[in-house]
Amino acid sequence: MVITSTILPECYLITPEPTGSHDLYFNSLERCLKNGVRLVQLRAKTVTSDEYVVLAEKAALLCDQYGAVLLLNSTCMPDLAGMHLTSAQLMSLAIRPEMHGQWLAASCHNAEQIKKANQLNIDFIALSPVKETSSHPGSDILGWSEAMQLCRIASMPVYALGGMTMNDLDDAYRHGMQGIAAISSLWSF
């Protein structure tokens, strides 16, 4: 875990759904990369699988250009990018997928999921929701205290997710986390 945590950045950008022009979408992604984002999850659940492949290929080229790591949400293309598992995908696995040197991350919301991530030797997790979030309104909130307790179970770096902004980075550190993961606040970064 020590080696992994020294390699990982403090911020993990999760892209919003691509709507409208893909040129504008990738202009926004490039702006984030120019501003220092070095870990990106391409989250595009509303597009077709063929469209996702096109988006992933273009995002991979852009991330490579800026020295950023790209993970694909729920999709395994290890020759192109790493993968970020949903909590349901995580819980359904018996063994770790072969990632050919790429990162494997997962979303976790409770102790059982974190223990499964430990068992599968997941590289890092996003723990959510730590705070109220606009993308998942009405979800049960963990809060910083419970998030810290869950973080202690993890044998890998943990990113706080859910309502995070750059102003939450110090709280994330104080509660034992690698940093923050966010959609809207980092997309507008």
N, C-alpha and C. Protein backbone atom coordinates (compact mmCIF):
# COMPACT_ATOMS: atom_id res chain seq x y z
N MET A 1 0.81 -1.20 0.00
CA MET A 1 0.00 0.00 0.00
C MET A 1 0.86 1.26 0.00
N VAL A 2 2.01 1.24 0.67
CA VAL A 2 2.84 2.44 0.74
C VAL A 2 3.30 2.85 -0.64
N ILE A 3 3.74 1.89 -1.46
CA ILE A 3 4.18 2.22 -2.81
C ILE A 3 3.03 2.77 -3.62
N THR A 4 1.88 2.13 -3.56
CA THR A 4 0.71 2.61 -4.30
C THR A 4 0.34 4.02 -3.88
N SER A 5 0.32 4.30 -2.59
CA SER A 5 -0.10 5.62 -2.13
C SER A 5 0.89 6.71 -2.51
N THR A 6 2.16 6.37 -2.70
CA THR A 6 3.12 7.39 -3.13
C THR A 6 3.00 7.69 -4.61
N ILE A 7 2.46 6.77 -5.38
CA ILE A 7 2.29 6.96 -6.82
C ILE A 7 0.99 7.70 -7.14
N LEU A 8 -0.05 7.44 -6.38
CA LEU A 8 -1.36 8.02 -6.67
C LEU A 8 -1.42 9.51 -6.32
N PRO A 9 -2.11 10.29 -7.15
CA PRO A 9 -2.28 11.72 -6.85
C PRO A 9 -3.34 11.95 -5.78
N GLU A 10 -3.50 13.19 -5.37
CA GLU A 10 -4.47 13.53 -4.32
C GLU A 10 -5.89 13.67 -4.83
N CYS A 11 -6.06 13.83 -6.14
CA CYS A 11 -7.40 14.03 -6.71
C CYS A 11 -7.68 12.99 -7.80
N TYR A 12 -8.89 12.48 -7.79
CA TYR A 12 -9.36 11.47 -8.74
C TYR A 12 -10.60 12.04 -9.42
N LEU A 13 -10.44 12.43 -10.68
CA LEU A 13 -11.56 13.00 -11.45
C LEU A 13 -12.43 11.89 -12.01
N ILE A 14 -13.72 11.98 -11.76
CA ILE A 14 -14.71 11.10 -12.38
C ILE A 14 -15.47 11.98 -13.36
N THR A 15 -15.40 11.65 -14.63
CA THR A 15 -16.03 12.51 -15.62
C THR A 15 -17.55 12.46 -15.51
N PRO A 16 -18.20 13.57 -15.85
CA PRO A 16 -19.67 13.53 -15.92
C PRO A 16 -20.09 12.82 -17.20
N GLU A 17 -21.37 12.56 -17.31
CA GLU A 17 -21.89 11.95 -18.53
C GLU A 17 -21.64 12.88 -19.72
N PRO A 18 -21.19 12.33 -20.84
CA PRO A 18 -20.98 13.17 -22.02
C PRO A 18 -22.33 13.53 -22.65
N THR A 19 -22.64 14.80 -22.64
CA THR A 19 -23.87 15.28 -23.27
C THR A 19 -23.48 16.34 -24.28
N GLY A 20 -24.23 16.44 -25.34
CA GLY A 20 -23.92 17.45 -26.35
C GLY A 20 -22.68 17.08 -27.14
N SER A 21 -21.92 18.07 -27.47
CA SER A 21 -20.75 17.93 -28.33
C SER A 21 -19.61 17.19 -27.63
N HIS A 22 -19.10 16.18 -28.29
CA HIS A 22 -17.94 15.48 -27.73
C HIS A 22 -16.70 16.37 -27.78
N ASP A 23 -16.66 17.31 -28.73
CA ASP A 23 -15.54 18.25 -28.77
C ASP A 23 -15.50 19.08 -27.49
N LEU A 24 -16.66 19.58 -27.05
CA LEU A 24 -16.71 20.36 -25.81
C LEU A 24 -16.33 19.49 -24.61
N TYR A 25 -16.79 18.26 -24.62
CA TYR A 25 -16.49 17.31 -23.55
C TYR A 25 -14.98 17.11 -23.42
N PHE A 26 -14.32 16.88 -24.54
CA PHE A 26 -12.88 16.64 -24.50
C PHE A 26 -12.09 17.93 -24.28
N ASN A 27 -12.65 19.06 -24.67
CA ASN A 27 -12.02 20.34 -24.31
C ASN A 27 -12.02 20.51 -22.80
N SER A 28 -13.12 20.12 -22.16
CA SER A 28 -13.20 20.21 -20.69
C SER A 28 -12.22 19.24 -20.04
N LEU A 29 -12.14 18.02 -20.57
CA LEU A 29 -11.20 17.05 -20.03
C LEU A 29 -9.77 17.57 -20.17
N GLU A 30 -9.45 18.13 -21.31
CA GLU A 30 -8.10 18.65 -21.51
C GLU A 30 -7.80 19.81 -20.56
N ARG A 31 -8.79 20.65 -20.31
CA ARG A 31 -8.59 21.75 -19.34
C ARG A 31 -8.24 21.19 -17.97
N CYS A 32 -8.95 20.14 -17.56
CA CYS A 32 -8.66 19.50 -16.26
C CYS A 32 -7.23 18.95 -16.24
N LEU A 33 -6.84 18.32 -17.32
CA LEU A 33 -5.49 17.75 -17.40
C LEU A 33 -4.43 18.85 -17.39
N LYS A 34 -4.69 19.94 -18.09
CA LYS A 34 -3.77 21.07 -18.08
C LYS A 34 -3.64 21.66 -16.67
N ASN A 35 -4.71 21.58 -15.89
CA ASN A 35 -4.71 22.11 -14.53
C ASN A 35 -4.15 21.12 -13.50
N GLY A 36 -3.66 19.99 -13.97
CA GLY A 36 -2.94 19.09 -13.07
C GLY A 36 -3.63 17.79 -12.69
N VAL A 37 -4.84 17.54 -13.16
CA VAL A 37 -5.50 16.26 -12.86
C VAL A 37 -4.68 15.14 -13.52
N ARG A 38 -4.35 14.11 -12.74
CA ARG A 38 -3.53 13.02 -13.27
C ARG A 38 -4.14 11.63 -13.09
N LEU A 39 -5.37 11.58 -12.59
CA LEU A 39 -6.08 10.32 -12.43
C LEU A 39 -7.53 10.56 -12.82
N VAL A 40 -7.98 9.84 -13.87
CA VAL A 40 -9.30 10.09 -14.48
C VAL A 40 -10.06 8.79 -14.64
N GLN A 41 -11.34 8.83 -14.27
CA GLN A 41 -12.25 7.72 -14.56
C GLN A 41 -13.23 8.19 -15.62
N LEU A 42 -13.27 7.48 -16.74
CA LEU A 42 -14.25 7.79 -17.79
C LEU A 42 -15.56 7.11 -17.42
N ARG A 43 -16.49 7.90 -16.95
CA ARG A 43 -17.79 7.40 -16.52
C ARG A 43 -18.82 7.90 -17.52
N ALA A 44 -19.32 7.00 -18.32
CA ALA A 44 -20.29 7.36 -19.36
C ALA A 44 -21.30 6.23 -19.50
N LYS A 45 -22.24 6.19 -18.57
CA LYS A 45 -23.19 5.09 -18.50
C LYS A 45 -24.38 5.24 -19.44
N THR A 46 -24.52 6.41 -20.05
CA THR A 46 -25.69 6.65 -20.89
C THR A 46 -25.40 6.51 -22.38
N VAL A 47 -24.19 6.11 -22.74
CA VAL A 47 -23.84 5.95 -24.15
C VAL A 47 -23.84 4.47 -24.52
N THR A 48 -23.88 4.20 -25.82
CA THR A 48 -23.83 2.81 -26.29
C THR A 48 -22.41 2.26 -26.06
N SER A 49 -22.27 0.95 -26.11
CA SER A 49 -20.95 0.36 -25.91
C SER A 49 -19.99 0.77 -27.02
N ASP A 50 -20.48 0.88 -28.25
CA ASP A 50 -19.62 1.33 -29.35
C ASP A 50 -19.17 2.77 -29.14
N GLU A 51 -20.08 3.62 -28.70
CA GLU A 51 -19.73 5.02 -28.44
C GLU A 51 -18.74 5.11 -27.27
N TYR A 52 -18.92 4.25 -26.27
CA TYR A 52 -18.00 4.25 -25.14
C TYR A 52 -16.58 3.91 -25.59
N VAL A 53 -16.44 2.95 -26.48
CA VAL A 53 -15.12 2.58 -26.98
C VAL A 53 -14.46 3.77 -27.67
N VAL A 54 -15.21 4.49 -28.48
CA VAL A 54 -14.68 5.67 -29.16
C VAL A 54 -14.25 6.72 -28.13
N LEU A 55 -15.10 6.98 -27.12
CA LEU A 55 -14.77 7.93 -26.06
C LEU A 55 -13.52 7.48 -25.30
N ALA A 56 -13.45 6.19 -25.00
CA ALA A 56 -12.32 5.65 -24.24
C ALA A 56 -11.02 5.81 -25.02
N GLU A 57 -11.05 5.52 -26.30
CA GLU A 57 -9.84 5.65 -27.11
C GLU A 57 -9.36 7.10 -27.16
N LYS A 58 -10.30 8.03 -27.33
CA LYS A 58 -9.92 9.44 -27.38
C LYS A 58 -9.43 9.92 -26.01
N ALA A 59 -10.11 9.50 -24.94
CA ALA A 59 -9.69 9.89 -23.59
C ALA A 59 -8.31 9.32 -23.27
N ALA A 60 -8.04 8.10 -23.71
CA ALA A 60 -6.74 7.47 -23.46
C ALA A 60 -5.62 8.27 -24.13
N LEU A 61 -5.84 8.69 -25.37
CA LEU A 61 -4.84 9.49 -26.07
C LEU A 61 -4.57 10.80 -25.34
N LEU A 62 -5.65 11.45 -24.92
CA LEU A 62 -5.53 12.73 -24.22
C LEU A 62 -4.82 12.56 -22.87
N CYS A 63 -5.20 11.54 -22.13
CA CYS A 63 -4.55 11.29 -20.83
C CYS A 63 -3.07 10.96 -21.02
N ASP A 64 -2.75 10.14 -22.02
CA ASP A 64 -1.35 9.82 -22.31
C ASP A 64 -0.55 11.08 -22.60
N GLN A 65 -1.15 11.99 -23.35
CA GLN A 65 -0.48 13.24 -23.72
C GLN A 65 -0.06 14.04 -22.48
N TYR A 66 -0.86 13.97 -21.41
CA TYR A 66 -0.58 14.73 -20.19
C TYR A 66 0.00 13.88 -19.06
N GLY A 67 0.32 12.64 -19.35
CA GLY A 67 0.89 11.78 -18.32
C GLY A 67 -0.09 11.39 -17.24
N ALA A 68 -1.37 11.34 -17.59
CA ALA A 68 -2.42 10.98 -16.63
C ALA A 68 -2.82 9.52 -16.81
N VAL A 69 -3.31 8.93 -15.74
CA VAL A 69 -3.80 7.56 -15.75
C VAL A 69 -5.30 7.59 -16.01
N LEU A 70 -5.76 6.74 -16.91
CA LEU A 70 -7.18 6.62 -17.23
C LEU A 70 -7.71 5.28 -16.75
N LEU A 71 -8.87 5.32 -16.09
CA LEU A 71 -9.60 4.10 -15.74
C LEU A 71 -10.96 4.16 -16.41
N LEU A 72 -11.42 3.03 -16.89
CA LEU A 72 -12.73 2.95 -17.52
C LEU A 72 -13.73 2.42 -16.50
N ASN A 73 -14.90 3.03 -16.45
CA ASN A 73 -15.92 2.63 -15.51
C ASN A 73 -16.61 1.37 -15.99
N SER A 74 -16.43 0.30 -15.22
CA SER A 74 -17.14 -0.97 -15.45
C SER A 74 -16.74 -1.70 -16.71
N THR A 75 -15.76 -1.21 -17.43
CA THR A 75 -15.36 -1.80 -18.71
C THR A 75 -13.90 -2.20 -18.66
N CYS A 76 -13.62 -3.42 -19.10
CA CYS A 76 -12.26 -3.92 -19.07
C CYS A 76 -11.66 -3.89 -20.47
N MET A 77 -10.71 -3.00 -20.69
CA MET A 77 -9.89 -2.95 -21.89
C MET A 77 -8.45 -2.74 -21.41
N PRO A 78 -7.84 -3.77 -20.78
CA PRO A 78 -6.56 -3.58 -20.11
C PRO A 78 -5.42 -3.14 -21.01
N ASP A 79 -5.54 -3.34 -22.31
CA ASP A 79 -4.49 -2.85 -23.21
C ASP A 79 -4.62 -1.35 -23.43
N LEU A 80 -5.75 -0.77 -23.04
CA LEU A 80 -6.01 0.66 -23.24
C LEU A 80 -5.94 1.45 -21.94
N ALA A 81 -6.57 0.92 -20.90
CA ALA A 81 -6.68 1.68 -19.65
C ALA A 81 -6.99 0.75 -18.49
N GLY A 82 -6.90 1.29 -17.28
CA GLY A 82 -7.30 0.55 -16.09
C GLY A 82 -8.82 0.48 -16.00
N MET A 83 -9.31 -0.10 -14.91
CA MET A 83 -10.76 -0.25 -14.76
C MET A 83 -11.19 0.11 -13.34
N HIS A 84 -12.35 0.76 -13.26
CA HIS A 84 -12.98 1.07 -11.98
C HIS A 84 -14.26 0.25 -11.90
N LEU A 85 -14.30 -0.65 -10.92
CA LEU A 85 -15.46 -1.53 -10.72
C LEU A 85 -16.55 -0.85 -9.91
N THR A 86 -17.79 -1.12 -10.25
CA THR A 86 -18.88 -0.73 -9.37
C THR A 86 -18.83 -1.65 -8.15
N SER A 87 -19.53 -1.28 -7.09
CA SER A 87 -19.54 -2.14 -5.91
C SER A 87 -20.20 -3.49 -6.22
N ALA A 88 -21.20 -3.50 -7.09
CA ALA A 88 -21.85 -4.77 -7.47
C ALA A 88 -20.87 -5.66 -8.24
N GLN A 89 -20.11 -5.08 -9.16
CA GLN A 89 -19.11 -5.86 -9.88
C GLN A 89 -18.06 -6.42 -8.92
N LEU A 90 -17.60 -5.57 -8.01
CA LEU A 90 -16.61 -5.99 -7.01
C LEU A 90 -17.12 -7.21 -6.26
N MET A 91 -18.32 -7.13 -5.75
CA MET A 91 -18.87 -8.22 -4.93
C MET A 91 -19.11 -9.50 -5.72
N SER A 92 -19.25 -9.40 -7.03
CA SER A 92 -19.52 -10.59 -7.85
C SER A 92 -18.25 -11.35 -8.24
N LEU A 93 -17.08 -10.76 -8.01
CA LEU A 93 -15.83 -11.39 -8.44
C LEU A 93 -15.33 -12.43 -7.44
N ALA A 94 -14.80 -13.51 -7.97
CA ALA A 94 -14.15 -14.52 -7.14
C ALA A 94 -12.64 -14.32 -7.14
N ILE A 95 -12.12 -13.83 -8.26
CA ILE A 95 -10.68 -13.55 -8.37
C ILE A 95 -10.49 -12.20 -9.05
N ARG A 96 -9.32 -11.63 -8.85
CA ARG A 96 -8.98 -10.35 -9.45
C ARG A 96 -8.81 -10.53 -10.97
N PRO A 97 -9.41 -9.65 -11.76
CA PRO A 97 -9.20 -9.73 -13.21
C PRO A 97 -7.74 -9.42 -13.56
N GLU A 98 -7.25 -10.02 -14.62
CA GLU A 98 -5.89 -9.74 -15.09
C GLU A 98 -5.90 -8.37 -15.76
N MET A 99 -5.08 -7.48 -15.24
CA MET A 99 -5.09 -6.09 -15.73
C MET A 99 -3.84 -5.72 -16.53
N HIS A 100 -2.93 -6.64 -16.74
CA HIS A 100 -1.74 -6.40 -17.57
C HIS A 100 -1.01 -5.12 -17.17
N GLY A 101 -0.85 -4.92 -15.87
CA GLY A 101 -0.11 -3.76 -15.38
C GLY A 101 -0.94 -2.50 -15.20
N GLN A 102 -2.21 -2.53 -15.57
CA GLN A 102 -3.07 -1.36 -15.42
C GLN A 102 -3.70 -1.37 -14.02
N TRP A 103 -4.14 -0.19 -13.56
CA TRP A 103 -4.78 -0.04 -12.25
C TRP A 103 -6.16 -0.70 -12.23
N LEU A 104 -6.51 -1.23 -11.07
CA LEU A 104 -7.85 -1.75 -10.82
C LEU A 104 -8.37 -1.09 -9.55
N ALA A 105 -9.45 -0.33 -9.69
CA ALA A 105 -10.06 0.38 -8.57
C ALA A 105 -11.50 -0.10 -8.40
N ALA A 106 -12.11 0.30 -7.29
CA ALA A 106 -13.50 -0.09 -7.04
C ALA A 106 -14.20 0.95 -6.18
N SER A 107 -15.51 0.99 -6.32
CA SER A 107 -16.36 1.80 -5.45
C SER A 107 -16.78 0.96 -4.26
N CYS A 108 -16.68 1.54 -3.07
CA CYS A 108 -17.10 0.84 -1.86
C CYS A 108 -17.97 1.77 -1.02
N HIS A 109 -18.93 1.16 -0.30
CA HIS A 109 -19.87 1.92 0.52
C HIS A 109 -19.99 1.39 1.94
N ASN A 110 -19.35 0.24 2.20
CA ASN A 110 -19.46 -0.37 3.53
C ASN A 110 -18.29 -1.30 3.81
N ALA A 111 -18.23 -1.82 5.02
CA ALA A 111 -17.12 -2.68 5.45
C ALA A 111 -17.03 -3.97 4.63
N GLU A 112 -18.17 -4.57 4.32
CA GLU A 112 -18.17 -5.82 3.56
C GLU A 112 -17.51 -5.62 2.19
N GLN A 113 -17.81 -4.52 1.53
CA GLN A 113 -17.22 -4.25 0.22
C GLN A 113 -15.72 -3.96 0.34
N ILE A 114 -15.33 -3.26 1.37
CA ILE A 114 -13.89 -2.99 1.57
C ILE A 114 -13.14 -4.29 1.83
N LYS A 115 -13.71 -5.18 2.62
CA LYS A 115 -13.07 -6.48 2.87
C LYS A 115 -12.93 -7.27 1.58
N LYS A 116 -13.92 -7.20 0.70
CA LYS A 116 -13.84 -7.87 -0.59
C LYS A 116 -12.73 -7.23 -1.44
N ALA A 117 -12.63 -5.91 -1.41
CA ALA A 117 -11.56 -5.21 -2.14
C ALA A 117 -10.18 -5.64 -1.61
N ASN A 118 -10.07 -5.80 -0.29
CA ASN A 118 -8.82 -6.29 0.30
C ASN A 118 -8.49 -7.69 -0.22
N GLN A 119 -9.49 -8.55 -0.21
CA GLN A 119 -9.31 -9.94 -0.65
C GLN A 119 -8.84 -10.01 -2.10
N LEU A 120 -9.36 -9.13 -2.95
CA LEU A 120 -9.02 -9.14 -4.38
C LEU A 120 -7.79 -8.30 -4.71
N ASN A 121 -7.19 -7.71 -3.67
CA ASN A 121 -6.00 -6.89 -3.87
C ASN A 121 -6.26 -5.74 -4.86
N ILE A 122 -7.37 -5.04 -4.66
CA ILE A 122 -7.71 -3.88 -5.48
C ILE A 122 -6.66 -2.80 -5.20
N ASP A 123 -6.29 -2.04 -6.22
CA ASP A 123 -5.22 -1.04 -6.08
C ASP A 123 -5.63 0.16 -5.23
N PHE A 124 -6.86 0.65 -5.41
CA PHE A 124 -7.38 1.72 -4.56
C PHE A 124 -8.90 1.72 -4.67
N ILE A 125 -9.54 2.38 -3.69
CA ILE A 125 -11.00 2.44 -3.70
C ILE A 125 -11.48 3.89 -3.56
N ALA A 126 -12.71 4.10 -4.00
CA ALA A 126 -13.43 5.35 -3.75
C ALA A 126 -14.53 5.01 -2.76
N LEU A 127 -14.51 5.65 -1.61
CA LEU A 127 -15.47 5.40 -0.54
C LEU A 127 -16.52 6.48 -0.56
N SER A 128 -17.79 6.07 -0.64
CA SER A 128 -18.86 7.07 -0.74
C SER A 128 -20.17 6.56 -0.16
N PRO A 129 -21.09 7.54 0.05
CA PRO A 129 -20.90 8.98 -0.01
C PRO A 129 -20.48 9.54 1.36
N VAL A 130 -19.38 10.27 1.35
CA VAL A 130 -18.89 10.85 2.60
C VAL A 130 -19.75 12.04 2.99
N LYS A 131 -20.15 12.85 2.01
CA LYS A 131 -21.02 14.00 2.24
C LYS A 131 -22.19 13.95 1.25
N GLU A 132 -23.15 14.81 1.44
CA GLU A 132 -24.29 14.92 0.52
C GLU A 132 -23.77 15.23 -0.88
N THR A 133 -24.35 14.60 -1.87
CA THR A 133 -23.90 14.78 -3.24
C THR A 133 -25.08 15.02 -4.18
N SER A 134 -24.86 15.86 -5.16
CA SER A 134 -25.92 16.16 -6.13
C SER A 134 -26.15 15.00 -7.09
N SER A 135 -25.13 14.15 -7.30
CA SER A 135 -25.29 13.05 -8.25
C SER A 135 -26.07 11.87 -7.66
N HIS A 136 -26.13 11.78 -6.34
CA HIS A 136 -26.88 10.70 -5.67
C HIS A 136 -27.66 11.27 -4.48
N PRO A 137 -28.62 12.16 -4.76
CA PRO A 137 -29.36 12.77 -3.65
C PRO A 137 -30.16 11.73 -2.86
N GLY A 138 -30.23 11.93 -1.56
CA GLY A 138 -31.01 11.03 -0.72
C GLY A 138 -30.26 9.79 -0.26
N SER A 139 -29.00 9.63 -0.69
CA SER A 139 -28.22 8.47 -0.24
C SER A 139 -27.87 8.62 1.24
N ASP A 140 -27.70 7.48 1.91
CA ASP A 140 -27.25 7.52 3.30
C ASP A 140 -25.81 8.02 3.33
N ILE A 141 -25.58 9.07 4.10
CA ILE A 141 -24.27 9.72 4.17
C ILE A 141 -23.41 9.04 5.24
N LEU A 142 -22.15 8.77 4.92
CA LEU A 142 -21.23 8.18 5.90
C LEU A 142 -20.77 9.21 6.92
N GLY A 143 -20.40 10.40 6.45
CA GLY A 143 -19.78 11.39 7.32
C GLY A 143 -18.31 11.06 7.50
N TRP A 144 -17.53 12.04 7.96
CA TRP A 144 -16.08 11.86 8.08
C TRP A 144 -15.71 10.81 9.12
N SER A 145 -16.40 10.76 10.24
CA SER A 145 -16.04 9.83 11.31
C SER A 145 -16.20 8.37 10.86
N GLU A 146 -17.35 8.05 10.28
CA GLU A 146 -17.57 6.68 9.81
C GLU A 146 -16.64 6.35 8.64
N ALA A 147 -16.41 7.33 7.76
CA ALA A 147 -15.49 7.13 6.64
C ALA A 147 -14.10 6.78 7.15
N MET A 148 -13.66 7.44 8.22
CA MET A 148 -12.35 7.15 8.79
C MET A 148 -12.30 5.72 9.34
N GLN A 149 -13.36 5.30 10.01
CA GLN A 149 -13.41 3.93 10.53
C GLN A 149 -13.33 2.91 9.39
N LEU A 150 -14.05 3.18 8.31
CA LEU A 150 -14.02 2.27 7.16
C LEU A 150 -12.66 2.31 6.48
N CYS A 151 -12.06 3.46 6.43
CA CYS A 151 -10.74 3.62 5.83
C CYS A 151 -9.70 2.74 6.55
N ARG A 152 -9.85 2.59 7.84
CA ARG A 152 -8.92 1.79 8.64
C ARG A 152 -8.97 0.30 8.28
N ILE A 153 -10.08 -0.13 7.71
CA ILE A 153 -10.22 -1.53 7.30
C ILE A 153 -9.47 -1.79 6.00
N ALA A 154 -9.37 -0.77 5.18
CA ALA A 154 -8.81 -0.91 3.83
C ALA A 154 -7.31 -1.16 3.85
N SER A 155 -6.86 -2.09 3.02
CA SER A 155 -5.43 -2.35 2.88
C SER A 155 -4.86 -1.63 1.66
N MET A 156 -5.64 -0.71 1.09
CA MET A 156 -5.21 0.05 -0.07
C MET A 156 -5.58 1.51 0.14
N PRO A 157 -5.03 2.43 -0.68
CA PRO A 157 -5.42 3.84 -0.57
C PRO A 157 -6.92 4.04 -0.82
N VAL A 158 -7.47 5.03 -0.12
CA VAL A 158 -8.90 5.33 -0.18
C VAL A 158 -9.10 6.79 -0.59
N TYR A 159 -9.97 7.00 -1.57
CA TYR A 159 -10.39 8.35 -1.94
C TYR A 159 -11.77 8.60 -1.37
N ALA A 160 -11.96 9.76 -0.75
CA ALA A 160 -13.27 10.19 -0.27
C ALA A 160 -14.08 10.66 -1.47
N LEU A 161 -15.30 10.20 -1.58
CA LEU A 161 -16.18 10.55 -2.70
C LEU A 161 -17.54 10.94 -2.15
N GLY A 162 -18.17 11.88 -2.81
CA GLY A 162 -19.51 12.31 -2.42
C GLY A 162 -19.49 13.71 -1.87
N GLY A 163 -19.80 14.68 -2.71
CA GLY A 163 -19.85 16.07 -2.29
C GLY A 163 -18.48 16.71 -2.08
N MET A 164 -17.43 16.09 -2.59
CA MET A 164 -16.07 16.57 -2.35
C MET A 164 -15.71 17.76 -3.24
N THR A 165 -14.96 18.69 -2.64
CA THR A 165 -14.33 19.80 -3.36
C THR A 165 -12.88 19.86 -2.90
N MET A 166 -12.10 20.71 -3.53
CA MET A 166 -10.70 20.87 -3.13
C MET A 166 -10.60 21.31 -1.67
N ASN A 167 -11.63 21.99 -1.16
CA ASN A 167 -11.63 22.41 0.24
C ASN A 167 -11.71 21.24 1.21
N ASP A 168 -12.07 20.05 0.72
CA ASP A 168 -12.18 18.86 1.57
C ASP A 168 -10.90 18.05 1.63
N LEU A 169 -9.90 18.47 0.89
CA LEU A 169 -8.66 17.70 0.82
C LEU A 169 -8.00 17.54 2.20
N ASP A 170 -7.92 18.60 2.97
CA ASP A 170 -7.32 18.49 4.31
C ASP A 170 -8.12 17.55 5.21
N ASP A 171 -9.45 17.60 5.13
CA ASP A 171 -10.27 16.67 5.92
C ASP A 171 -10.00 15.23 5.49
N ALA A 172 -9.87 15.01 4.20
CA ALA A 172 -9.58 13.67 3.71
C ALA A 172 -8.26 13.17 4.29
N TYR A 173 -7.24 13.99 4.26
CA TYR A 173 -5.94 13.61 4.83
C TYR A 173 -6.06 13.31 6.32
N ARG A 174 -6.74 14.21 7.05
CA ARG A 174 -6.89 14.03 8.50
C ARG A 174 -7.62 12.74 8.86
N HIS A 175 -8.45 12.26 7.95
CA HIS A 175 -9.23 11.05 8.21
C HIS A 175 -8.61 9.82 7.55
N GLY A 176 -7.32 9.92 7.19
CA GLY A 176 -6.56 8.76 6.72
C GLY A 176 -6.71 8.41 5.26
N MET A 177 -7.17 9.34 4.45
CA MET A 177 -7.42 9.04 3.05
C MET A 177 -6.34 9.57 2.13
N GLN A 178 -6.28 8.98 0.95
CA GLN A 178 -5.32 9.39 -0.08
C GLN A 178 -5.63 10.78 -0.59
N GLY A 179 -6.92 11.09 -0.70
CA GLY A 179 -7.35 12.37 -1.24
C GLY A 179 -8.84 12.32 -1.52
N ILE A 180 -9.25 13.09 -2.53
CA ILE A 180 -10.66 13.16 -2.87
C ILE A 180 -10.92 12.68 -4.29
N ALA A 181 -12.12 12.20 -4.52
CA ALA A 181 -12.62 11.87 -5.85
C ALA A 181 -13.88 12.72 -6.03
N ALA A 182 -14.06 13.21 -7.23
CA ALA A 182 -15.22 14.09 -7.47
C ALA A 182 -15.56 14.13 -8.95
N ILE A 183 -16.79 14.49 -9.19
CA ILE A 183 -17.25 14.73 -10.56
C ILE A 183 -17.27 16.22 -10.80
N SER A 184 -18.30 16.88 -10.32
CA SER A 184 -18.55 18.28 -10.71
C SER A 184 -17.47 19.25 -10.25
N SER A 185 -16.99 19.13 -9.02
CA SER A 185 -16.00 20.13 -8.54
C SER A 185 -14.67 19.99 -9.26
N LEU A 186 -14.27 18.79 -9.63
CA LEU A 186 -13.01 18.64 -10.37
C LEU A 186 -13.19 18.88 -11.86
N TRP A 187 -14.39 18.62 -12.37
CA TRP A 187 -14.65 18.87 -13.80
C TRP A 187 -14.59 20.37 -14.09
N SER A 188 -14.95 21.17 -13.11
CA SER A 188 -14.91 22.63 -13.29
C SER A 188 -13.58 23.21 -12.80
N PHE A 189 -12.65 22.34 -12.43
CA PHE A 189 -11.34 22.71 -11.87
C PHE A 189 -10.51 23.47 -12.89
